[in-house]
Amino acid sequence: MDVRRTRLASSSALGRVLLAAAALLPLSACPGGGGGGSPDAAPSAPDAASTAPDATPGAPDATPLSACAMAMQNAPTGASAPSFQDALPTATVNTWDSATIPTAGDANYPGGKYRTLEADGNGDIHPGCSTAGLSYTPATITDYPCAAKEYPFPNGVSEDTGKPIVLLIHGNSDSPAEWEAFLHPDPTSVTPPFDTEARDQLAELLPAAGYRTIAVDLRIDLVDDPGGTTGNVSKNIDHGWATPIAQRFIKQVIIANPNRKISLIGFSLGSTIVRDALRRLFVQFQDGDWDINVFSRVQDVILASGGHHGVSSYNSLCGTFTTMNGTAACEFGQRNTYTQVAFHEPLNGPALTGAGEPFGGWYETPCADGDYAFGVRDACGDNEVEYTTVTMMDLNDGQQQDEFVSEHASRLYPDACADNVLNTLNDFDTSGYFFNGLLRNHFGGVRSNASHTVIMNALAD
């Protein structure tokens, strides 16, 4: 295993995002295959020294600042810091009829809006918040009415309460199965062949290491969009569907475990779901609607193959489909010609990179320095959150090998505040999970042995 680590200055369809348009996309079917794209030149970041300048000449025992804290010293605050309130509106109607293709701008269509776990004017709650029809026994979490799956500890292993509780947020058109071992029924039917024995995945590895592990289930099986060639045939979800469920999930686990920290792992769409849910929970704290600062309770944020700066399917789907496969794409932007889209504005914040450089924003790693989040100082409850990203490297000529994101798309900024890890071209998912390994490079971000090593090491730090 050869894992290349990079700082930013060096260098479900999404998660499966938007599989409905898979035929429109030049997906690679083998490791290292990839569509073209402009090279992701690494942006320059603010200078990050390892020590602080002396505030007072001769002052005794000046406390050194971390590289991240130094990098964040020029971050905007007050009137110069843009809003981090919701970019998406809140749905006034939570459900759709599953048959009608919505017209663009239909005020009653809930796609592209935050659905609510509270009843709307018709008495309907978010249709994805349900435990009906599950093939597993749902986790019991006080005041959390939606679905989640808790993984058992293997024989001889019990929970290590000194470790954080790990919460898993899956990608698009997917379920908690994404985190689980998978054995293809005919592994030698393809070249190269799939695994002939099921490899342990995070659902098995984490409990074996003593981590209590719970995966949210965003219930793509309950998507209420119409299907067909002009609809949402792959049951894609957008952030308006996913974030409210993940937000309640994270909140109630924190409340139910007052003396524990949590660590969050998101894959693909799940990466930006994690970030959006944390942002909304911080808004609740800032607005006085929750007495817990979420960032005081988070130890790690680990994000695999995330679309923080665009996805490959934006041009194909945004504006073409009015169902959630279209609204999800519009929330990401285009990966190799990225310009910040409205949904990303409160997540990424204003640009810290210079003109002509790939976009990176000041808000992308809240509380990595233990102080700054979304334009607010002293925002972290004296807690430093550790950020890690992992995705497949691009080719040296800039061709992007992950079927949906790229090196730049998946990174977090500033460079001193996140450990942005690049897997090699051989670190794809060898299990054949998801349509005969259709997106094996993308899923390698969370299902390859290399990524398992990165994730387990990040949790142990």
Protein backbone atom coordinates (compact mmCIF):
# COMPACT_ATOMS: atom_id res chain seq x y z
CA MET A 1 0.00 0.00 0.00
CA ASP A 2 1.41 3.34 -1.02
CA VAL A 3 -0.48 6.30 0.37
CA ARG A 4 0.65 9.76 -0.66
CA ARG A 5 -0.17 12.51 1.81
CA THR A 6 -0.48 16.05 0.60
CA ARG A 7 -1.06 19.42 2.12
CA LEU A 8 -3.05 21.75 -0.05
CA ALA A 9 -0.12 23.86 -1.07
CA SER A 10 1.79 20.73 -2.26
CA SER A 11 0.36 18.65 -3.94
CA SER A 12 -23.48 6.85 -3.49
CA ALA A 13 -23.21 8.51 -7.11
CA LEU A 14 -22.05 11.50 -5.56
CA GLY A 15 -21.58 8.64 -3.09
CA ARG A 16 -23.29 7.21 -5.92
CA VAL A 17 -24.26 10.75 -6.68
CA LEU A 18 -26.64 11.04 -9.51
CA LEU A 19 -26.47 7.64 -11.08
CA ALA A 20 -29.57 8.47 -13.07
CA ALA A 21 -27.27 10.16 -15.52
CA ALA A 22 -24.50 7.58 -15.43
CA ALA A 23 -24.93 6.98 -19.13
CA LEU A 24 -24.12 10.62 -19.72
CA LEU A 25 -20.82 10.44 -17.89
CA PRO A 26 -17.51 8.96 -19.08
CA LEU A 27 -17.04 6.67 -16.07
CA SER A 28 -13.88 4.62 -15.85
CA ALA A 29 -14.45 0.93 -15.36
CA CYS A 30 -10.92 0.09 -14.34
CA PRO A 31 -8.41 1.49 -11.88
CA GLY A 32 -6.64 4.53 -13.14
CA GLY A 33 -9.14 5.09 -15.94
CA GLY A 34 -10.51 8.56 -16.05
CA GLY A 35 -11.99 11.37 -17.95
CA GLY A 36 -9.96 14.41 -18.71
CA GLY A 37 -10.05 17.62 -16.85
CA SER A 38 -7.92 20.61 -16.21
CA PRO A 39 -5.08 19.98 -13.77
CA ASP A 40 -5.77 20.77 -10.13
CA ALA A 41 -2.95 23.15 -9.43
CA ALA A 42 -2.43 23.35 -5.70
CA PRO A 43 -3.35 26.80 -4.39
CA SER A 44 -1.14 28.86 -2.24
CA ALA A 45 -2.39 29.31 1.31
CA PRO A 46 -1.61 31.90 3.93
CA ASP A 47 1.83 31.54 5.44
CA ALA A 48 1.68 29.15 8.36
CA ALA A 49 4.56 29.40 10.80
CA SER A 50 4.85 27.04 13.73
CA THR A 51 5.28 29.71 16.38
CA ALA A 52 3.60 32.98 17.14
CA PRO A 53 5.40 36.30 17.01
CA ASP A 54 6.24 37.73 20.42
CA ALA A 55 3.41 39.98 21.48
CA THR A 56 5.64 41.62 24.07
CA PRO A 57 9.43 41.66 23.75
CA GLY A 58 10.92 39.53 26.47
CA ALA A 59 7.56 38.07 27.49
CA PRO A 60 8.18 34.81 29.38
CA ASP A 61 7.01 31.43 28.06
CA ALA A 62 5.02 32.63 25.05
CA THR A 63 2.72 29.81 23.96
CA PRO A 64 3.51 28.70 20.40
CA LEU A 65 0.62 28.68 17.96
CA SER A 66 -0.07 25.68 15.80
CA ALA A 67 0.35 25.96 12.05
CA CYS A 68 -3.44 25.90 11.72
CA ALA A 69 -3.87 28.69 14.27
CA MET A 70 -1.31 30.77 12.40
CA ALA A 71 -3.09 30.10 9.11
CA MET A 72 -6.40 31.23 10.59
CA GLN A 73 -5.11 34.52 12.02
CA ASN A 74 -6.31 36.49 9.00
CA ALA A 75 -9.70 34.77 8.76
CA PRO A 76 -12.57 37.25 8.43
CA THR A 77 -14.75 38.09 11.41
CA GLY A 78 -17.59 40.45 12.20
CA ALA A 79 -18.99 42.49 9.33
CA SER A 80 -16.35 41.13 6.94
CA ALA A 81 -17.45 37.54 7.53
CA PRO A 82 -20.33 36.43 5.26
CA SER A 83 -23.38 34.75 6.73
CA PHE A 84 -23.28 31.05 7.54
CA GLN A 85 -27.07 30.73 7.72
CA ASP A 86 -28.87 28.28 5.43
CA ALA A 87 -28.50 28.81 1.71
CA LEU A 88 -31.40 26.45 0.99
CA PRO A 89 -34.95 27.43 1.96
CA THR A 90 -37.07 25.33 4.30
CA ALA A 91 -39.75 23.27 2.60
CA THR A 92 -43.33 24.27 3.35
CA VAL A 93 -44.51 20.87 2.10
CA ASN A 94 -42.54 17.77 3.09
CA THR A 95 -43.79 15.27 0.53
CA TRP A 96 -44.27 14.85 -3.23
CA ASP A 97 -46.68 12.57 -5.08
CA SER A 98 -44.03 10.26 -6.63
CA ALA A 99 -45.67 10.57 -10.05
CA THR A 100 -45.50 14.16 -11.25
CA ILE A 101 -42.33 15.65 -12.70
CA PRO A 102 -42.00 18.97 -10.87
CA THR A 103 -41.78 22.12 -12.93
CA ALA A 104 -38.77 24.35 -12.34
CA GLY A 105 -39.39 26.67 -9.43
CA ASP A 106 -42.50 24.87 -8.17
CA ALA A 107 -42.99 26.28 -4.66
CA ASN A 108 -44.66 23.09 -3.48
CA TYR A 109 -41.88 20.74 -4.59
CA PRO A 110 -39.69 19.97 -1.54
CA GLY A 111 -36.57 19.02 -3.51
CA GLY A 112 -33.76 21.54 -3.08
CA LYS A 113 -35.24 22.61 0.27
CA TYR A 114 -34.69 21.43 3.82
CA ARG A 115 -37.51 19.09 4.71
CA THR A 116 -38.56 19.05 8.34
CA LEU A 117 -38.90 16.29 10.90
CA GLU A 118 -41.85 18.20 12.27
CA ALA A 119 -45.24 18.02 10.57
CA ASP A 120 -46.01 20.49 7.79
CA GLY A 121 -49.40 22.14 7.31
CA ASN A 122 -50.75 18.89 5.90
CA GLY A 123 -49.58 16.90 8.90
CA ASP A 124 -46.74 15.21 6.98
CA ILE A 125 -43.20 14.84 8.27
CA HIS A 126 -40.07 14.16 6.22
CA PRO A 127 -40.83 10.90 4.39
CA GLY A 128 -37.27 9.64 4.85
CA CYS A 129 -37.52 9.77 8.62
CA SER A 130 -38.97 6.33 9.16
CA THR A 131 -38.04 2.92 10.55
CA ALA A 132 -40.75 1.12 8.60
CA GLY A 133 -39.75 -1.77 6.36
CA LEU A 134 -36.15 -2.10 7.52
CA SER A 135 -34.26 -5.37 7.09
CA TYR A 136 -32.40 -4.76 10.38
CA THR A 137 -33.38 -3.76 13.90
CA PRO A 138 -32.93 0.02 14.09
CA ALA A 139 -30.67 1.58 16.69
CA THR A 140 -32.43 2.97 19.73
CA ILE A 141 -31.47 6.61 20.21
CA THR A 142 -33.62 8.76 22.51
CA ASP A 143 -35.74 11.31 20.59
CA TYR A 144 -34.37 10.18 17.24
CA PRO A 145 -37.32 8.85 15.21
CA CYS A 146 -35.44 8.05 11.99
CA ALA A 147 -33.41 5.01 10.97
CA ALA A 148 -29.88 4.13 12.00
CA LYS A 149 -27.95 0.88 12.25
CA GLU A 150 -25.65 0.08 15.15
CA TYR A 151 -22.93 -2.50 14.56
CA PRO A 152 -22.19 -5.20 17.14
CA PHE A 153 -18.87 -5.85 18.77
CA PRO A 154 -17.26 -9.15 17.85
CA ASN A 155 -16.91 -11.86 20.47
CA GLY A 156 -14.36 -10.94 23.08
CA VAL A 157 -14.46 -7.20 22.32
CA SER A 158 -16.35 -4.60 24.32
CA GLU A 159 -16.76 -0.88 23.91
CA ASP A 160 -13.78 1.29 24.79
CA THR A 161 -15.50 4.27 26.39
CA GLY A 162 -12.28 6.23 26.20
CA LYS A 163 -12.71 6.37 22.43
CA PRO A 164 -15.20 8.56 20.56
CA ILE A 165 -18.49 7.16 19.31
CA VAL A 166 -18.15 6.89 15.54
CA LEU A 167 -21.06 8.04 13.38
CA LEU A 168 -21.15 7.04 9.71
CA ILE A 169 -22.93 9.11 7.06
CA HIS A 170 -23.34 7.28 3.75
CA GLY A 171 -23.41 8.60 0.21
CA ASN A 172 -26.11 9.04 -2.40
CA SER A 173 -28.36 6.26 -3.71
CA ASP A 174 -27.00 4.09 -0.93
CA SER A 175 -27.56 2.76 2.58
CA PRO A 176 -25.53 1.55 5.58
CA ALA A 177 -24.52 -1.43 3.41
CA GLU A 178 -21.87 0.92 2.04
CA TRP A 179 -19.88 0.41 5.24
CA GLU A 180 -20.18 -3.38 5.32
CA ALA A 181 -18.23 -6.34 3.95
CA PHE A 182 -19.43 -7.47 0.51
CA LEU A 183 -18.72 -10.57 -1.54
CA HIS A 184 -19.57 -10.51 -5.24
CA PRO A 185 -21.48 -13.64 -6.37
CA ASP A 186 -19.10 -14.20 -9.29
CA PRO A 187 -15.80 -12.49 -8.43
CA THR A 188 -13.81 -13.99 -11.32
CA SER A 189 -16.22 -12.72 -13.97
CA VAL A 190 -14.33 -9.44 -14.41
CA THR A 191 -10.74 -8.36 -15.01
CA PRO A 192 -9.13 -7.75 -12.63
CA PRO A 193 -11.17 -10.16 -10.49
CA PHE A 194 -13.01 -9.02 -7.40
CA ASP A 195 -12.19 -10.27 -3.92
CA THR A 196 -12.80 -13.98 -3.52
CA GLU A 197 -13.26 -13.53 0.21
CA ALA A 198 -15.19 -10.70 1.83
CA ARG A 199 -12.86 -8.03 3.22
CA ASP A 200 -13.76 -6.39 6.49
CA GLN A 201 -15.00 -2.85 6.04
CA LEU A 202 -15.51 -0.08 8.59
CA ALA A 203 -18.66 -1.72 9.95
CA GLU A 204 -16.46 -4.62 11.02
CA LEU A 205 -13.11 -2.87 11.63
CA LEU A 206 -14.38 -0.14 13.94
CA PRO A 207 -16.23 -2.36 16.46
CA ALA A 208 -13.28 -4.77 16.44
CA ALA A 209 -11.12 -1.84 17.60
CA GLY A 210 -13.55 -1.01 20.43
CA TYR A 211 -15.39 1.87 18.77
CA ARG A 212 -19.14 2.07 19.23
CA THR A 213 -20.26 2.51 15.63
CA ILE A 214 -23.64 3.73 14.33
CA ALA A 215 -24.56 4.43 10.72
CA VAL A 216 -27.40 6.74 9.74
CA ASP A 217 -29.83 5.41 7.15
CA LEU A 218 -31.07 8.18 4.87
CA ARG A 219 -33.73 5.86 3.41
CA ILE A 220 -33.25 6.33 -0.31
CA ASP A 221 -35.86 3.57 -0.70
CA LEU A 222 -38.47 6.09 0.45
CA VAL A 223 -37.59 8.83 -2.06
CA ASP A 224 -40.83 10.38 -3.33
CA ASP A 225 -39.61 11.59 -6.72
CA PRO A 226 -41.00 10.06 -9.92
CA GLY A 227 -38.63 7.72 -11.78
CA GLY A 228 -38.24 7.16 -15.48
CA THR A 229 -35.84 8.76 -17.94
CA THR A 230 -36.94 12.29 -17.07
CA GLY A 231 -37.16 11.66 -13.33
CA ASN A 232 -35.05 10.30 -10.51
CA VAL A 233 -34.63 6.67 -11.52
CA SER A 234 -31.72 6.04 -9.12
CA LYS A 235 -33.46 7.56 -6.12
CA ASN A 236 -30.90 10.28 -5.58
CA ILE A 237 -31.27 12.52 -2.57
CA ASP A 238 -30.09 16.08 -2.03
CA HIS A 239 -28.93 17.91 1.07
CA GLY A 240 -32.45 19.13 1.75
CA TRP A 241 -33.48 15.50 2.19
CA ALA A 242 -30.35 14.24 3.95
CA THR A 243 -29.07 16.99 6.23
CA PRO A 244 -32.09 17.25 8.56
CA ILE A 245 -31.94 13.50 9.27
CA ALA A 246 -28.17 13.53 9.87
CA GLN A 247 -28.48 16.69 11.96
CA ARG A 248 -31.01 15.09 14.32
CA PHE A 249 -28.95 11.88 14.40
CA ILE A 250 -25.78 13.70 15.48
CA LYS A 251 -27.61 15.90 17.96
CA GLN A 252 -29.42 13.08 19.74
CA VAL A 253 -26.31 10.90 20.00
CA ILE A 254 -24.49 13.84 21.62
CA ILE A 255 -27.35 14.49 24.04
CA ALA A 256 -27.64 10.80 24.95
CA ASN A 257 -23.91 10.55 25.70
CA PRO A 258 -23.03 13.69 27.67
CA ASN A 259 -19.55 12.54 28.67
CA ARG A 260 -18.41 11.32 25.28
CA LYS A 261 -17.06 12.83 22.09
CA ILE A 262 -18.08 11.76 18.63
CA SER A 263 -16.12 11.27 15.43
CA LEU A 264 -17.84 11.58 12.08
CA ILE A 265 -17.03 9.73 8.86
CA GLY A 266 -18.76 10.77 5.64
CA PHE A 267 -18.46 9.34 2.17
CA SER A 268 -19.20 11.19 -1.06
CA LEU A 269 -22.47 13.10 -0.61
CA GLY A 270 -22.14 12.10 3.04
CA SER A 271 -19.05 14.31 3.32
CA THR A 272 -20.97 17.52 2.65
CA ILE A 273 -23.94 16.20 4.65
CA VAL A 274 -21.62 15.96 7.66
CA ARG A 275 -20.36 19.50 7.17
CA ASP A 276 -23.84 20.91 6.59
CA ALA A 277 -25.31 19.16 9.63
CA LEU A 278 -22.51 20.49 11.85
CA ARG A 279 -23.02 23.99 10.47
CA ARG A 280 -26.76 23.87 11.19
CA LEU A 281 -26.17 22.57 14.71
CA PHE A 282 -23.70 25.42 15.31
CA VAL A 283 -26.34 27.86 14.08
CA GLN A 284 -28.75 26.40 16.66
CA PHE A 285 -26.17 27.04 19.39
CA GLN A 286 -25.41 30.57 18.18
CA ASP A 287 -29.11 31.37 17.99
CA GLY A 288 -29.76 30.04 21.51
CA ASP A 289 -31.87 27.12 20.29
CA TRP A 290 -29.53 24.48 21.71
CA ASP A 291 -27.37 24.76 24.81
CA ILE A 292 -24.57 22.56 23.47
CA ASN A 293 -21.87 23.79 21.13
CA VAL A 294 -21.54 20.88 18.72
CA PHE A 295 -17.88 21.63 18.04
CA SER A 296 -17.04 21.15 21.71
CA ARG A 297 -18.09 17.51 21.31
CA VAL A 298 -16.50 16.52 18.00
CA GLN A 299 -13.08 14.85 17.93
CA ASP A 300 -12.62 13.93 14.26
CA VAL A 301 -14.23 14.76 10.93
CA ILE A 302 -13.09 12.28 8.28
CA LEU A 303 -14.41 12.82 4.76
CA ALA A 304 -13.85 10.48 1.83
CA SER A 305 -14.35 11.38 -1.85
CA GLY A 306 -16.34 14.49 -1.01
CA GLY A 307 -17.55 17.19 -3.40
CA HIS A 308 -16.46 20.24 -1.43
CA HIS A 309 -15.46 21.99 -4.65
CA GLY A 310 -17.58 20.40 -7.34
CA VAL A 311 -18.53 17.11 -8.99
CA SER A 312 -18.26 15.77 -12.53
CA SER A 313 -22.02 15.50 -13.04
CA TYR A 314 -22.92 19.15 -12.42
CA ASN A 315 -23.11 20.19 -16.07
CA SER A 316 -25.06 17.09 -17.06
CA LEU A 317 -27.72 17.25 -14.36
CA CYS A 318 -28.08 20.73 -12.88
CA GLY A 319 -30.87 22.46 -14.77
CA THR A 320 -31.60 19.36 -16.84
CA PHE A 321 -33.52 17.44 -14.18
CA THR A 322 -35.97 19.12 -11.83
CA THR A 323 -36.07 16.15 -9.43
CA MET A 324 -33.48 15.55 -6.70
CA ASN A 325 -30.86 14.20 -9.10
CA GLY A 326 -30.86 17.71 -10.54
CA THR A 327 -31.14 19.65 -7.29
CA ALA A 328 -28.30 17.63 -5.74
CA ALA A 329 -25.99 18.41 -8.67
CA CYS A 330 -26.80 22.11 -8.42
CA GLU A 331 -25.63 22.05 -4.80
CA PHE A 332 -22.07 21.08 -5.82
CA GLY A 333 -20.81 22.99 -8.84
CA GLN A 334 -18.49 21.63 -11.55
CA ARG A 335 -15.32 19.94 -10.31
CA ASN A 336 -12.72 21.00 -12.88
CA THR A 337 -13.99 24.54 -13.52
CA TYR A 338 -15.28 25.18 -10.01
CA THR A 339 -16.99 28.41 -9.12
CA GLN A 340 -18.59 28.52 -5.69
CA VAL A 341 -22.31 27.74 -5.83
CA ALA A 342 -24.96 29.11 -3.46
CA PHE A 343 -25.20 25.96 -1.33
CA HIS A 344 -21.45 26.01 -0.66
CA GLU A 345 -21.32 29.67 0.36
CA PRO A 346 -22.13 29.19 4.07
CA LEU A 347 -20.14 25.92 4.15
CA ASN A 348 -16.93 27.09 2.49
CA GLY A 349 -17.08 30.78 3.26
CA PRO A 350 -15.16 33.51 1.41
CA ALA A 351 -12.11 32.63 -0.63
CA LEU A 352 -8.73 32.45 1.06
CA THR A 353 -6.98 31.58 -2.20
CA GLY A 354 -5.89 34.16 -4.72
CA ALA A 355 -7.36 35.08 -8.08
CA GLY A 356 -6.80 32.39 -10.68
CA GLU A 357 -6.15 29.69 -8.09
CA PRO A 358 -8.48 26.77 -7.25
CA PHE A 359 -11.07 27.89 -4.74
CA GLY A 360 -10.57 27.29 -1.04
CA GLY A 361 -12.65 28.93 1.69
CA TRP A 362 -12.12 30.17 5.24
CA TYR A 363 -15.06 28.23 6.70
CA GLU A 364 -14.09 24.74 5.55
CA THR A 365 -12.41 23.48 8.75
CA PRO A 366 -14.36 25.01 11.66
CA CYS A 367 -12.60 24.70 15.02
CA ALA A 368 -9.52 23.01 13.57
CA ASP A 369 -7.56 25.68 15.45
CA GLY A 370 -9.73 25.41 18.57
CA ASP A 371 -10.96 28.98 18.11
CA TYR A 372 -12.51 29.94 14.74
CA ALA A 373 -15.72 28.76 13.10
CA PHE A 374 -17.76 30.45 10.38
CA GLY A 375 -16.46 33.94 11.08
CA VAL A 376 -16.76 33.62 14.86
CA ARG A 377 -13.82 33.67 17.29
CA ASP A 378 -13.82 31.80 20.60
CA ALA A 379 -16.33 29.49 18.96
CA CYS A 380 -15.05 26.03 19.83
CA GLY A 381 -15.38 25.44 23.56
CA ASP A 382 -11.59 25.08 23.74
CA ASN A 383 -11.76 22.01 21.52
CA GLU A 384 -9.70 21.37 18.40
CA VAL A 385 -11.43 19.28 15.73
CA GLU A 386 -9.16 17.13 13.57
CA TYR A 387 -9.99 17.03 9.85
CA THR A 388 -8.91 14.34 7.40
CA THR A 389 -9.88 13.88 3.76
CA VAL A 390 -9.04 10.99 1.46
CA THR A 391 -9.56 10.46 -2.24
CA MET A 392 -7.79 8.99 -5.26
CA MET A 393 -4.97 11.02 -6.75
CA ASP A 394 -5.27 12.62 -10.19
CA LEU A 395 -2.79 11.72 -12.88
CA ASN A 396 0.27 13.93 -13.18
CA ASP A 397 -1.24 15.54 -16.29
CA GLY A 398 -4.34 16.46 -14.28
CA GLN A 399 -6.73 13.77 -15.52
CA GLN A 400 -9.14 13.00 -12.72
CA GLN A 401 -9.46 9.36 -11.74
CA ASP A 402 -12.25 9.42 -9.18
CA GLU A 403 -15.44 9.17 -11.23
CA PHE A 404 -17.06 12.14 -9.48
CA VAL A 405 -14.54 14.27 -7.62
CA SER A 406 -10.84 15.19 -7.89
CA GLU A 407 -7.91 16.05 -5.67
CA HIS A 408 -9.01 19.67 -5.42
CA ALA A 409 -12.73 18.91 -5.16
CA SER A 410 -12.22 16.70 -2.12
CA ARG A 411 -9.70 18.82 -0.19
CA LEU A 412 -10.42 21.07 2.75
CA TYR A 413 -8.77 24.42 3.40
CA PRO A 414 -6.62 26.03 4.79
CA ASP A 415 -3.92 23.47 4.07
CA ALA A 416 -2.51 23.67 7.58
CA CYS A 417 -5.88 22.75 9.10
CA ALA A 418 -6.63 19.43 7.38
CA ASP A 419 -4.72 16.28 6.57
CA ASN A 420 -5.62 15.81 2.90
CA VAL A 421 -4.58 12.30 1.92
CA LEU A 422 -4.29 10.98 -1.61
CA ASN A 423 -4.59 7.28 -2.36
CA THR A 424 -2.70 5.86 -5.30
CA LEU A 425 -4.31 4.71 -8.53
CA ASN A 426 -4.28 1.14 -7.22
CA ASP A 427 -6.30 1.93 -4.12
CA PHE A 428 -9.74 1.25 -5.57
CA ASP A 429 -12.52 -0.89 -4.11
CA THR A 430 -11.79 -4.49 -5.06
CA SER A 431 -15.00 -5.95 -3.63
CA GLY A 432 -17.27 -5.31 -6.61
CA TYR A 433 -19.71 -3.38 -4.42
CA PHE A 434 -22.32 -1.34 -6.27
CA PHE A 435 -23.23 -2.47 -9.77
CA ASN A 436 -20.21 -4.71 -10.35
CA GLY A 437 -17.76 -2.10 -9.12
CA LEU A 438 -19.01 0.57 -11.51
CA LEU A 439 -17.55 3.35 -9.34
CA ARG A 440 -14.62 1.44 -7.89
CA ASN A 441 -12.26 4.44 -7.83
CA HIS A 442 -14.81 6.60 -6.03
CA PHE A 443 -15.63 3.91 -3.48
CA GLY A 444 -11.94 3.31 -2.94
CA GLY A 445 -12.02 6.44 -0.80
CA VAL A 446 -13.78 4.49 1.91
CA ARG A 447 -13.67 0.77 0.94
CA SER A 448 -10.01 0.20 -0.02
CA ASN A 449 -7.45 -1.15 2.42
CA ALA A 450 -5.44 2.05 2.00
CA SER A 451 -8.38 4.19 3.06
CA HIS A 452 -9.09 1.93 6.02
CA THR A 453 -5.53 2.55 7.21
CA VAL A 454 -5.91 6.32 6.80
CA ILE A 455 -9.23 6.36 8.66
CA MET A 456 -8.17 4.12 11.52
CA ASN A 457 -4.96 6.10 11.99
CA ALA A 458 -6.88 9.40 11.98
CA LEU A 459 -9.21 8.13 14.69
CA ALA A 460 -6.31 6.89 16.79
CA ASP A 461 -4.34 10.16 16.66
